[in-house]
Amino acid sequence: MATGFDANLSPAFPFYFAARDNLLGDVPDSILALITPPVAYWIVCLAYTLLDYSGWKWLDSYRIHEPEEIKSRNLVSQSEVFLSVVSLQVMQFIIALILLGDVPKIPLDHYATELEAMKSTLLGFVQQNFFPDPMARMLAFHKGEIAYWLYWWIIPVSRLTLVALIFDTWMYFVHRTMHMNKFLYKHIHCVHHRLYVPYAYGSAYNHAAEALLDMVGAFGAISVVGLTTREKLLFFTCGALKGVHQHSGYQFPYDPIRWFSGNDAEYHDIHHQAIGMKSNFSQFFFIHWDMIMGTQLTRKDIKERRQKIQ
């Protein structure tokens, strides 16, 4: 498999692309896109749960709460949360299976056709005299490499980023409404807030109606942008793992999530506390809506508030 552009290969597949009909044997990618997120979810949740019960002292400085607080301060047992999460995931899987239907396979020569079309489009732009002559000649000469990077990297990353932004917008305003509307909070969203002390597999502990709203937002975003099946697999899996990370109860140093987003475990933990219930509504990926709408609350803000009271 090629890892870079080669004019003799149409198309030259990047390292991340598996040039076969299905990523995993005879399992259709459309089914794999629904199976992978919950499987990844429970694998990572198991790892965090082992940390919770490990008793390792070196973890103490990274825990947001003491392990004993999970039982003493939460309003629902861990076994009940486990059963609820599994039942919700089964419900979501069945609904998603119905919504996706029969997804046609994309023949491998389809990618070569699209790449050639993109090269022709680039050449068309050059011929419109939009660029100075030296740049136009450079673009025309390197149209293959430019098309490659656009097609395999820039456009997919842009699509996934746009889906994340659309989904975050949906989640922010739905989440905020759930808190501001007393009826919705009392009858729906309060289920999730029975976990005053979040932990990994409690991230998907919700009322069934809220789980359905999450699905509406996710499927709406991917439909608007038009993700491929494998892009959906990546998006769903990242979303599931991001939720686990936010509820993990651990704030490790050099957290890679902080490289591109402030929406980490500490940020979301504040929302689960009484002082932060009307703040930090952002889910899952970024915190820009909290910043825009003035609902961001940090540990520093909390400390300053308490100092003013004293």
C-alpha atoms as a PDB file:
ATOM      1  CA  MET A   1       0.000   0.000   0.000  1.00  0.00           C
ATOM      2  CA  ALA A   2       1.359   3.407  -0.930  1.00  0.00           C
ATOM      3  CA  THR A   3       1.870   5.976   1.785  1.00  0.00           C
ATOM      4  CA  GLY A   4       2.400   9.052  -0.355  1.00  0.00           C
ATOM      5  CA  PHE A   5       1.410  10.493  -3.687  1.00  0.00           C
ATOM      6  CA  ASP A   6       2.502   8.569  -6.734  1.00  0.00           C
ATOM      7  CA  ALA A   7       1.243   9.578 -10.154  1.00  0.00           C
ATOM      8  CA  ASN A   8       1.464   5.943 -11.262  1.00  0.00           C
ATOM      9  CA  LEU A   9      -0.977   4.847  -8.570  1.00  0.00           C
ATOM     10  CA  SER A  10      -4.582   6.015  -8.833  1.00  0.00           C
ATOM     11  CA  PRO A  11      -5.230   6.693  -6.082  1.00  0.00           C
ATOM     12  CA  ALA A  12      -2.219   6.488  -3.762  1.00  0.00           C
ATOM     13  CA  PHE A  13      -3.774   5.502  -0.451  1.00  0.00           C
ATOM     14  CA  PRO A  14      -2.495   7.187   2.748  1.00  0.00           C
ATOM     15  CA  PHE A  15      -1.273   5.057   5.634  1.00  0.00           C
ATOM     16  CA  TYR A  16      -4.588   5.268   7.524  1.00  0.00           C
ATOM     17  CA  PHE A  17      -6.692   3.898   4.675  1.00  0.00           C
ATOM     18  CA  ALA A  18      -7.310   0.143   4.394  1.00  0.00           C
ATOM     19  CA  ALA A  19      -7.744  -0.579   0.687  1.00  0.00           C
ATOM     20  CA  ARG A  20     -10.323  -3.343   1.088  1.00  0.00           C
ATOM     21  CA  ASP A  21     -14.111  -3.559   1.134  1.00  0.00           C
ATOM     22  CA  ASN A  22     -14.343  -4.052   4.914  1.00  0.00           C
ATOM     23  CA  LEU A  23     -11.968  -3.074   7.679  1.00  0.00           C
ATOM     24  CA  LEU A  24     -12.642  -6.291   9.616  1.00  0.00           C
ATOM     25  CA  GLY A  25     -13.096  -9.471   7.628  1.00  0.00           C
ATOM     26  CA  ASP A  26     -16.666  -9.978   6.470  1.00  0.00           C
ATOM     27  CA  VAL A  27     -18.131  -7.464   8.929  1.00  0.00           C
ATOM     28  CA  PRO A  28     -19.589  -4.538   6.940  1.00  0.00           C
ATOM     29  CA  ASP A  29     -18.089  -1.178   7.843  1.00  0.00           C
ATOM     30  CA  SER A  30     -21.589   0.139   8.604  1.00  0.00           C
ATOM     31  CA  ILE A  31     -22.006  -2.489  11.325  1.00  0.00           C
ATOM     32  CA  LEU A  32     -18.462  -1.974  12.576  1.00  0.00           C
ATOM     33  CA  ALA A  33     -19.213   1.750  12.957  1.00  0.00           C
ATOM     34  CA  LEU A  34     -21.957   0.821  15.438  1.00  0.00           C
ATOM     35  CA  ILE A  35     -20.076  -1.939  17.275  1.00  0.00           C
ATOM     36  CA  THR A  36     -16.691  -0.244  17.755  1.00  0.00           C
ATOM     37  CA  PRO A  37     -17.825   2.724  19.944  1.00  0.00           C
ATOM     38  CA  PRO A  38     -19.423   0.628  22.740  1.00  0.00           C
ATOM     39  CA  VAL A  39     -16.603  -1.930  22.631  1.00  0.00           C
ATOM     40  CA  ALA A  40     -13.982   0.834  22.923  1.00  0.00           C
ATOM     41  CA  TYR A  41     -16.130   2.462  25.612  1.00  0.00           C
ATOM     42  CA  TRP A  42     -16.135  -0.590  27.869  1.00  0.00           C
ATOM     43  CA  ILE A  43     -12.450  -1.378  27.324  1.00  0.00           C
ATOM     44  CA  VAL A  44     -11.417   2.110  28.452  1.00  0.00           C
ATOM     45  CA  CYS A  45     -14.007   2.104  31.253  1.00  0.00           C
ATOM     46  CA  LEU A  46     -12.555  -1.160  32.524  1.00  0.00           C
ATOM     47  CA  ALA A  47      -9.091   0.400  32.603  1.00  0.00           C
ATOM     48  CA  TYR A  48     -10.347   3.376  34.635  1.00  0.00           C
ATOM     49  CA  THR A  49     -12.334   1.095  36.959  1.00  0.00           C
ATOM     50  CA  LEU A  50      -9.196  -0.953  37.651  1.00  0.00           C
ATOM     51  CA  LEU A  51      -7.452   2.296  38.577  1.00  0.00           C
ATOM     52  CA  ASP A  52     -10.336   3.151  40.915  1.00  0.00           C
ATOM     53  CA  TYR A  53      -9.905  -0.106  42.823  1.00  0.00           C
ATOM     54  CA  SER A  54      -6.139  -0.460  42.491  1.00  0.00           C
ATOM     55  CA  GLY A  55      -5.268   1.275  45.738  1.00  0.00           C
ATOM     56  CA  TRP A  56      -2.135   2.715  44.155  1.00  0.00           C
ATOM     57  CA  LYS A  57      -0.996   5.680  46.211  1.00  0.00           C
ATOM     58  CA  TRP A  58       0.734   7.394  43.290  1.00  0.00           C
ATOM     59  CA  LEU A  59      -2.723   7.958  41.768  1.00  0.00           C
ATOM     60  CA  ASP A  60      -3.914  10.036  44.721  1.00  0.00           C
ATOM     61  CA  SER A  61      -2.543  13.289  43.338  1.00  0.00           C
ATOM     62  CA  TYR A  62      -4.358  12.730  40.029  1.00  0.00           C
ATOM     63  CA  ARG A  63      -7.771  11.776  41.427  1.00  0.00           C
ATOM     64  CA  ILE A  64     -10.372  14.550  41.450  1.00  0.00           C
ATOM     65  CA  HIS A  65     -12.318  12.696  44.176  1.00  0.00           C
ATOM     66  CA  GLU A  66     -11.519   9.945  46.631  1.00  0.00           C
ATOM     67  CA  PRO A  67     -12.750   6.472  45.539  1.00  0.00           C
ATOM     68  CA  GLU A  68     -14.983   6.224  48.616  1.00  0.00           C
ATOM     69  CA  GLU A  69     -16.955   9.259  47.448  1.00  0.00           C
ATOM     70  CA  ILE A  70     -18.393   7.320  44.494  1.00  0.00           C
ATOM     71  CA  LYS A  71     -20.457   5.188  46.885  1.00  0.00           C
ATOM     72  CA  SER A  72     -21.067   7.700  49.651  1.00  0.00           C
ATOM     73  CA  ARG A  73     -22.113  10.755  47.621  1.00  0.00           C
ATOM     74  CA  ASN A  74     -23.813   9.369  44.530  1.00  0.00           C
ATOM     75  CA  LEU A  75     -27.555   8.740  44.532  1.00  0.00           C
ATOM     76  CA  VAL A  76     -27.501   5.539  42.483  1.00  0.00           C
ATOM     77  CA  SER A  77     -25.544   2.296  42.797  1.00  0.00           C
ATOM     78  CA  GLN A  78     -22.820   1.366  40.359  1.00  0.00           C
ATOM     79  CA  SER A  79     -24.615  -1.857  39.415  1.00  0.00           C
ATOM     80  CA  GLU A  80     -27.737   0.105  38.511  1.00  0.00           C
ATOM     81  CA  VAL A  81     -25.649   2.480  36.408  1.00  0.00           C
ATOM     82  CA  PHE A  82     -23.998  -0.463  34.636  1.00  0.00           C
ATOM     83  CA  LEU A  83     -27.334  -2.080  33.723  1.00  0.00           C
ATOM     84  CA  SER A  84     -28.792   1.238  32.598  1.00  0.00           C
ATOM     85  CA  VAL A  85     -25.836   2.057  30.357  1.00  0.00           C
ATOM     86  CA  VAL A  86     -25.899  -1.388  28.717  1.00  0.00           C
ATOM     87  CA  SER A  87     -29.643  -1.152  28.049  1.00  0.00           C
ATOM     88  CA  LEU A  88     -29.261   2.332  26.551  1.00  0.00           C
ATOM     89  CA  GLN A  89     -26.430   1.169  24.309  1.00  0.00           C
ATOM     90  CA  VAL A  90     -28.539  -1.750  23.065  1.00  0.00           C
ATOM     91  CA  MET A  91     -31.419   0.659  22.357  1.00  0.00           C
ATOM     92  CA  GLN A  92     -29.130   3.065  20.489  1.00  0.00           C
ATOM     93  CA  PHE A  93     -27.569   0.228  18.481  1.00  0.00           C
ATOM     94  CA  ILE A  94     -30.972  -1.038  17.301  1.00  0.00           C
ATOM     95  CA  ILE A  95     -32.192   2.449  16.364  1.00  0.00           C
ATOM     96  CA  ALA A  96     -28.931   3.287  14.573  1.00  0.00           C
ATOM     97  CA  LEU A  97     -29.091  -0.013  12.686  1.00  0.00           C
ATOM     98  CA  ILE A  98     -32.569   0.887  11.449  1.00  0.00           C
ATOM     99  CA  LEU A  99     -31.573   4.442  10.529  1.00  0.00           C
ATOM    100  CA  LEU A 100     -28.447   3.431   8.625  1.00  0.00           C
ATOM    101  CA  GLY A 101     -30.171   0.740   6.605  1.00  0.00           C
ATOM    102  CA  ASP A 102     -28.229  -0.927   3.810  1.00  0.00           C
ATOM    103  CA  VAL A 103     -25.102   1.146   3.163  1.00  0.00           C
ATOM    104  CA  PRO A 104     -23.702   0.492  -0.336  1.00  0.00           C
ATOM    105  CA  LYS A 105     -20.040  -0.411  -0.627  1.00  0.00           C
ATOM    106  CA  ILE A 106     -17.714   2.060  -2.323  1.00  0.00           C
ATOM    107  CA  PRO A 107     -15.579   0.409  -5.026  1.00  0.00           C
ATOM    108  CA  LEU A 108     -11.880   1.198  -4.762  1.00  0.00           C
ATOM    109  CA  ASP A 109     -11.779   2.730  -8.240  1.00  0.00           C
ATOM    110  CA  HIS A 110     -14.252   5.363  -6.957  1.00  0.00           C
ATOM    111  CA  TYR A 111     -11.413   7.070  -5.104  1.00  0.00           C
ATOM    112  CA  ALA A 112      -9.292   7.255  -8.251  1.00  0.00           C
ATOM    113  CA  THR A 113     -12.211   8.807 -10.142  1.00  0.00           C
ATOM    114  CA  GLU A 114     -12.746  11.447  -7.467  1.00  0.00           C
ATOM    115  CA  LEU A 115      -9.036  12.270  -7.313  1.00  0.00           C
ATOM    116  CA  GLU A 116      -8.906  12.746 -11.073  1.00  0.00           C
ATOM    117  CA  ALA A 117     -11.950  15.007 -10.887  1.00  0.00           C
ATOM    118  CA  MET A 118     -10.268  17.063  -8.160  1.00  0.00           C
ATOM    119  CA  LYS A 119      -7.098  17.420 -10.246  1.00  0.00           C
ATOM    120  CA  SER A 120      -9.210  18.624 -13.179  1.00  0.00           C
ATOM    121  CA  THR A 121     -10.983  21.124 -10.929  1.00  0.00           C
ATOM    122  CA  LEU A 122      -7.656  22.482  -9.669  1.00  0.00           C
ATOM    123  CA  LEU A 123      -6.397  22.811 -13.223  1.00  0.00           C
ATOM    124  CA  GLY A 124      -9.591  24.665 -14.086  1.00  0.00           C
ATOM    125  CA  PHE A 125      -8.965  27.196 -11.331  1.00  0.00           C
ATOM    126  CA  VAL A 126      -5.425  27.719 -12.572  1.00  0.00           C
ATOM    127  CA  GLN A 127      -6.656  28.317 -16.123  1.00  0.00           C
ATOM    128  CA  GLN A 128      -9.051  31.020 -14.913  1.00  0.00           C
ATOM    129  CA  ASN A 129      -6.041  33.302 -14.378  1.00  0.00           C
ATOM    130  CA  PHE A 130      -6.742  33.731 -10.674  1.00  0.00           C
ATOM    131  CA  PHE A 131      -3.044  33.347  -9.876  1.00  0.00           C
ATOM    132  CA  PRO A 132       0.194  35.044 -11.015  1.00  0.00           C
ATOM    133  CA  ASP A 133       1.938  33.126 -13.778  1.00  0.00           C
ATOM    134  CA  PRO A 134       4.754  31.557 -11.658  1.00  0.00           C
ATOM    135  CA  MET A 135       2.226  30.346  -9.072  1.00  0.00           C
ATOM    136  CA  ALA A 136      -0.135  29.106 -11.770  1.00  0.00           C
ATOM    137  CA  ARG A 137       2.643  27.020 -13.349  1.00  0.00           C
ATOM    138  CA  MET A 138       3.607  25.653  -9.928  1.00  0.00           C
ATOM    139  CA  LEU A 139       0.006  24.715  -9.112  1.00  0.00           C
ATOM    140  CA  ALA A 140      -0.488  23.107 -12.510  1.00  0.00           C
ATOM    141  CA  PHE A 141       2.727  21.088 -12.168  1.00  0.00           C
ATOM    142  CA  HIS A 142       1.904  19.899  -8.620  1.00  0.00           C
ATOM    143  CA  LYS A 143      -1.845  19.463  -9.100  1.00  0.00           C
ATOM    144  CA  GLY A 144      -1.562  15.749  -8.318  1.00  0.00           C
ATOM    145  CA  GLU A 145       0.149  16.251  -4.955  1.00  0.00           C
ATOM    146  CA  ILE A 146      -2.212  19.111  -4.041  1.00  0.00           C
ATOM    147  CA  ALA A 147      -5.250  17.011  -4.940  1.00  0.00           C
ATOM    148  CA  TYR A 148      -3.863  14.146  -2.858  1.00  0.00           C
ATOM    149  CA  TRP A 149      -3.462  16.264   0.269  1.00  0.00           C
ATOM    150  CA  LEU A 150      -6.832  17.927  -0.188  1.00  0.00           C
ATOM    151  CA  TYR A 151      -8.661  14.661  -0.797  1.00  0.00           C
ATOM    152  CA  TRP A 152      -7.054  12.427   1.820  1.00  0.00           C
ATOM    153  CA  TRP A 153      -6.190  14.895   4.591  1.00  0.00           C
ATOM    154  CA  ILE A 154      -7.534  18.449   4.470  1.00  0.00           C
ATOM    155  CA  ILE A 155     -11.118  17.664   3.436  1.00  0.00           C
ATOM    156  CA  PRO A 156     -11.630  14.662   5.801  1.00  0.00           C
ATOM    157  CA  VAL A 157     -10.167  16.568   8.771  1.00  0.00           C
ATOM    158  CA  SER A 158     -12.322  19.573   7.900  1.00  0.00           C
ATOM    159  CA  ARG A 159     -15.440  17.391   7.668  1.00  0.00           C
ATOM    160  CA  LEU A 160     -14.775  15.741  11.027  1.00  0.00           C
ATOM    161  CA  THR A 161     -14.043  19.103  12.663  1.00  0.00           C
ATOM    162  CA  LEU A 162     -17.255  20.574  11.236  1.00  0.00           C
ATOM    163  CA  VAL A 163     -19.288  17.614  12.507  1.00  0.00           C
ATOM    164  CA  ALA A 164     -17.747  18.050  15.964  1.00  0.00           C
ATOM    165  CA  LEU A 165     -18.639  21.763  15.954  1.00  0.00           C
ATOM    166  CA  ILE A 166     -22.226  21.116  14.843  1.00  0.00           C
ATOM    167  CA  PHE A 167     -22.665  18.332  17.387  1.00  0.00           C
ATOM    168  CA  ASP A 168     -21.159  20.479  20.156  1.00  0.00           C
ATOM    169  CA  THR A 169     -23.605  23.266  19.292  1.00  0.00           C
ATOM    170  CA  TRP A 170     -26.546  20.874  19.552  1.00  0.00           C
ATOM    171  CA  MET A 171     -25.280  19.384  22.814  1.00  0.00           C
ATOM    172  CA  TYR A 172     -24.554  22.752  24.424  1.00  0.00           C
ATOM    173  CA  PHE A 173     -27.997  24.214  23.874  1.00  0.00           C
ATOM    174  CA  VAL A 174     -29.863  20.973  24.635  1.00  0.00           C
ATOM    175  CA  HIS A 175     -27.794  20.513  27.798  1.00  0.00           C
ATOM    176  CA  ARG A 176     -28.276  24.112  28.873  1.00  0.00           C
ATOM    177  CA  THR A 177     -32.032  23.894  28.251  1.00  0.00           C
ATOM    178  CA  MET A 178     -32.176  20.735  30.369  1.00  0.00           C
ATOM    179  CA  HIS A 179     -30.765  22.724  33.281  1.00  0.00           C
ATOM    180  CA  MET A 180     -32.716  25.938  32.787  1.00  0.00           C
ATOM    181  CA  ASN A 181     -36.110  24.258  32.339  1.00  0.00           C
ATOM    182  CA  LYS A 182     -37.242  22.877  35.705  1.00  0.00           C
ATOM    183  CA  PHE A 183     -39.572  20.289  34.168  1.00  0.00           C
ATOM    184  CA  LEU A 184     -36.896  18.885  31.853  1.00  0.00           C
ATOM    185  CA  TYR A 185     -34.325  18.789  34.624  1.00  0.00           C
ATOM    186  CA  LYS A 186     -36.628  17.135  37.145  1.00  0.00           C
ATOM    187  CA  HIS A 187     -37.986  14.480  34.788  1.00  0.00           C
ATOM    188  CA  ILE A 188     -35.039  13.855  32.431  1.00  0.00           C
ATOM    189  CA  HIS A 189     -31.617  15.363  33.068  1.00  0.00           C
ATOM    190  CA  CYS A 190     -31.541  14.832  36.829  1.00  0.00           C
ATOM    191  CA  VAL A 191     -30.929  11.138  36.088  1.00  0.00           C
ATOM    192  CA  HIS A 192     -27.391  11.903  34.937  1.00  0.00           C
ATOM    193  CA  HIS A 193     -26.795  14.211  37.897  1.00  0.00           C
ATOM    194  CA  ARG A 194     -27.472  11.452  40.378  1.00  0.00           C
ATOM    195  CA  LEU A 195     -23.743  11.005  39.867  1.00  0.00           C
ATOM    196  CA  TYR A 196     -22.429  13.836  41.974  1.00  0.00           C
ATOM    197  CA  VAL A 197     -19.033  12.162  41.699  1.00  0.00           C
ATOM    198  CA  PRO A 198     -18.539  11.121  38.052  1.00  0.00           C
ATOM    199  CA  TYR A 199     -16.739   7.934  37.076  1.00  0.00           C
ATOM    200  CA  ALA A 200     -15.881   6.407  33.722  1.00  0.00           C
ATOM    201  CA  TYR A 201     -18.799   4.124  32.829  1.00  0.00           C
ATOM    202  CA  GLY A 202     -21.262   6.597  34.309  1.00  0.00           C
ATOM    203  CA  SER A 203     -20.601   8.885  31.336  1.00  0.00           C
ATOM    204  CA  ALA A 204     -23.412   7.232  29.349  1.00  0.00           C
ATOM    205  CA  TYR A 205     -25.807   7.049  32.300  1.00  0.00           C
ATOM    206  CA  ASN A 206     -28.783   9.097  31.127  1.00  0.00           C
ATOM    207  CA  HIS A 207     -32.540   9.135  30.801  1.00  0.00           C
ATOM    208  CA  ALA A 208     -33.613   7.297  27.625  1.00  0.00           C
ATOM    209  CA  ALA A 209     -35.084  10.526  26.207  1.00  0.00           C
ATOM    210  CA  GLU A 210     -31.747  12.284  26.598  1.00  0.00           C
ATOM    211  CA  ALA A 211     -29.918   9.373  24.968  1.00  0.00           C
ATOM    212  CA  LEU A 212     -32.275   9.729  21.990  1.00  0.00           C
ATOM    213  CA  LEU A 213     -31.619  13.479  21.820  1.00  0.00           C
ATOM    214  CA  ASP A 214     -27.885  12.754  21.718  1.00  0.00           C
ATOM    215  CA  MET A 215     -28.521  10.441  18.761  1.00  0.00           C
ATOM    216  CA  VAL A 216     -30.580  13.107  16.980  1.00  0.00           C
ATOM    217  CA  GLY A 217     -27.696  15.548  17.323  1.00  0.00           C
ATOM    218  CA  ALA A 218     -25.055  13.055  16.193  1.00  0.00           C
ATOM    219  CA  PHE A 219     -26.964  11.709  13.193  1.00  0.00           C
ATOM    220  CA  GLY A 220     -28.108  15.201  12.256  1.00  0.00           C
ATOM    221  CA  ALA A 221     -24.510  16.457  12.227  1.00  0.00           C
ATOM    222  CA  ILE A 222     -23.119  13.586  10.168  1.00  0.00           C
ATOM    223  CA  SER A 223     -26.033  13.848   7.720  1.00  0.00           C
ATOM    224  CA  VAL A 224     -25.520  17.588   7.181  1.00  0.00           C
ATOM    225  CA  VAL A 225     -21.793  17.193   6.556  1.00  0.00           C
ATOM    226  CA  GLY A 226     -21.999  13.852   4.765  1.00  0.00           C
ATOM    227  CA  LEU A 227     -19.418  11.678   6.483  1.00  0.00           C
ATOM    228  CA  THR A 228     -18.299   8.436   4.923  1.00  0.00           C
ATOM    229  CA  THR A 229     -18.969   5.214   6.840  1.00  0.00           C
ATOM    230  CA  ARG A 230     -15.395   5.013   8.105  1.00  0.00           C
ATOM    231  CA  GLU A 231     -15.466   8.664   9.148  1.00  0.00           C
ATOM    232  CA  LYS A 232     -18.642   7.881  11.104  1.00  0.00           C
ATOM    233  CA  LEU A 233     -16.809   5.029  12.814  1.00  0.00           C
ATOM    234  CA  LEU A 234     -14.036   7.407  13.865  1.00  0.00           C
ATOM    235  CA  PHE A 235     -16.429  10.141  14.972  1.00  0.00           C
ATOM    236  CA  PHE A 236     -18.688   7.836  17.029  1.00  0.00           C
ATOM    237  CA  THR A 237     -15.709   6.158  18.678  1.00  0.00           C
ATOM    238  CA  CYS A 238     -13.980   9.441  19.527  1.00  0.00           C
ATOM    239  CA  GLY A 239     -17.256  10.784  20.931  1.00  0.00           C
ATOM    240  CA  ALA A 240     -17.727   7.738  23.158  1.00  0.00           C
ATOM    241  CA  LEU A 241     -14.149   7.885  24.450  1.00  0.00           C
ATOM    242  CA  LYS A 242     -14.331  11.648  24.958  1.00  0.00           C
ATOM    243  CA  GLY A 243     -17.369  11.156  27.196  1.00  0.00           C
ATOM    244  CA  VAL A 244     -15.499   8.535  29.222  1.00  0.00           C
ATOM    245  CA  HIS A 245     -12.522  10.868  29.571  1.00  0.00           C
ATOM    246  CA  GLN A 246     -14.721  13.724  30.833  1.00  0.00           C
ATOM    247  CA  HIS A 247     -16.265  11.529  33.523  1.00  0.00           C
ATOM    248  CA  SER A 248     -13.175   9.505  34.419  1.00  0.00           C
ATOM    249  CA  GLY A 249     -12.450  11.331  37.668  1.00  0.00           C
ATOM    250  CA  TYR A 250      -8.758  11.645  36.837  1.00  0.00           C
ATOM    251  CA  GLN A 251      -6.764  14.699  35.781  1.00  0.00           C
ATOM    252  CA  PHE A 252      -3.399  13.443  34.599  1.00  0.00           C
ATOM    253  CA  PRO A 253      -0.522  15.788  33.689  1.00  0.00           C
ATOM    254  CA  TYR A 254       0.271  16.340  30.022  1.00  0.00           C
ATOM    255  CA  ASP A 255      -3.278  15.371  29.098  1.00  0.00           C
ATOM    256  CA  PRO A 256      -3.387  15.411  25.256  1.00  0.00           C
ATOM    257  CA  ILE A 257      -7.036  16.556  25.403  1.00  0.00           C
ATOM    258  CA  ARG A 258      -5.781  19.916  26.639  1.00  0.00           C
ATOM    259  CA  TRP A 259      -3.766  20.337  23.461  1.00  0.00           C
ATOM    260  CA  PHE A 260      -6.922  21.095  21.492  1.00  0.00           C
ATOM    261  CA  SER A 261      -9.712  21.405  24.061  1.00  0.00           C
ATOM    262  CA  GLY A 262     -10.200  22.529  27.632  1.00  0.00           C
ATOM    263  CA  ASN A 263     -13.110  20.120  27.982  1.00  0.00           C
ATOM    264  CA  ASP A 264     -11.336  17.609  30.195  1.00  0.00           C
ATOM    265  CA  ALA A 265     -12.281  15.651  33.323  1.00  0.00           C
ATOM    266  CA  GLU A 266     -11.680  18.553  35.704  1.00  0.00           C
ATOM    267  CA  TYR A 267     -13.729  20.957  33.574  1.00  0.00           C
ATOM    268  CA  HIS A 268     -16.739  18.640  33.437  1.00  0.00           C
ATOM    269  CA  ASP A 269     -16.410  17.583  37.061  1.00  0.00           C
ATOM    270  CA  ILE A 270     -17.139  21.185  38.064  1.00  0.00           C
ATOM    271  CA  HIS A 271     -20.474  20.898  36.269  1.00  0.00           C
ATOM    272  CA  HIS A 272     -21.398  17.887  38.405  1.00  0.00           C
ATOM    273  CA  GLN A 273     -20.847  19.848  41.624  1.00  0.00           C
ATOM    274  CA  ALA A 274     -23.483  22.107  43.186  1.00  0.00           C
ATOM    275  CA  ILE A 275     -21.420  25.232  42.528  1.00  0.00           C
ATOM    276  CA  GLY A 276     -21.105  24.453  38.811  1.00  0.00           C
ATOM    277  CA  MET A 277     -24.568  23.174  37.905  1.00  0.00           C
ATOM    278  CA  LYS A 278     -25.345  26.324  35.892  1.00  0.00           C
ATOM    279  CA  SER A 279     -21.931  26.345  34.188  1.00  0.00           C
ATOM    280  CA  ASN A 280     -19.725  24.269  31.877  1.00  0.00           C
ATOM    281  CA  PHE A 281     -22.513  22.973  29.652  1.00  0.00           C
ATOM    282  CA  SER A 282     -20.156  22.227  26.748  1.00  0.00           C
ATOM    283  CA  GLN A 283     -20.109  18.630  25.458  1.00  0.00           C
ATOM    284  CA  PHE A 284     -18.236  16.766  23.970  1.00  0.00           C
ATOM    285  CA  PHE A 285     -15.236  18.237  22.241  1.00  0.00           C
ATOM    286  CA  PHE A 286     -14.752  21.982  22.713  1.00  0.00           C
ATOM    287  CA  ILE A 287     -15.706  24.725  25.197  1.00  0.00           C
ATOM    288  CA  HIS A 288     -16.206  27.654  22.828  1.00  0.00           C
ATOM    289  CA  TRP A 289     -19.946  27.920  23.546  1.00  0.00           C
ATOM    290  CA  ASP A 290     -19.314  28.275  27.284  1.00  0.00           C
ATOM    291  CA  MET A 291     -16.823  31.029  26.502  1.00  0.00           C
ATOM    292  CA  ILE A 292     -19.194  32.787  24.079  1.00  0.00           C
ATOM    293  CA  MET A 293     -22.259  32.499  26.318  1.00  0.00           C
ATOM    294  CA  GLY A 294     -20.465  33.353  29.556  1.00  0.00           C
ATOM    295  CA  THR A 295     -21.106  29.999  31.239  1.00  0.00           C
ATOM    296  CA  GLN A 296     -17.499  28.925  31.740  1.00  0.00           C
ATOM    297  CA  LEU A 297     -16.376  28.172  35.290  1.00  0.00           C
ATOM    298  CA  THR A 298     -12.851  27.109  36.278  1.00  0.00           C
ATOM    299  CA  ARG A 299     -11.238  26.014  39.543  1.00  0.00           C
ATOM    300  CA  LYS A 300      -9.616  29.433  39.686  1.00  0.00           C
ATOM    301  CA  ASP A 301     -13.045  31.099  39.406  1.00  0.00           C
ATOM    302  CA  ILE A 302     -14.370  28.927  42.231  1.00  0.00           C
ATOM    303  CA  LYS A 303     -11.414  29.788  44.450  1.00  0.00           C
ATOM    304  CA  GLU A 304     -11.903  33.512  43.808  1.00  0.00           C
ATOM    305  CA  ARG A 305     -15.631  33.268  44.611  1.00  0.00           C
ATOM    306  CA  ARG A 306     -14.942  31.526  47.903  1.00  0.00           C
ATOM    307  CA  GLN A 307     -12.314  34.103  48.855  1.00  0.00           C
ATOM    308  CA  LYS A 308     -14.832  36.889  48.269  1.00  0.00           C
ATOM    309  CA  ILE A 309     -17.371  35.172  50.528  1.00  0.00           C
ATOM    310  CA  GLN A 310     -14.796  34.780  53.283  1.00  0.00           C
END
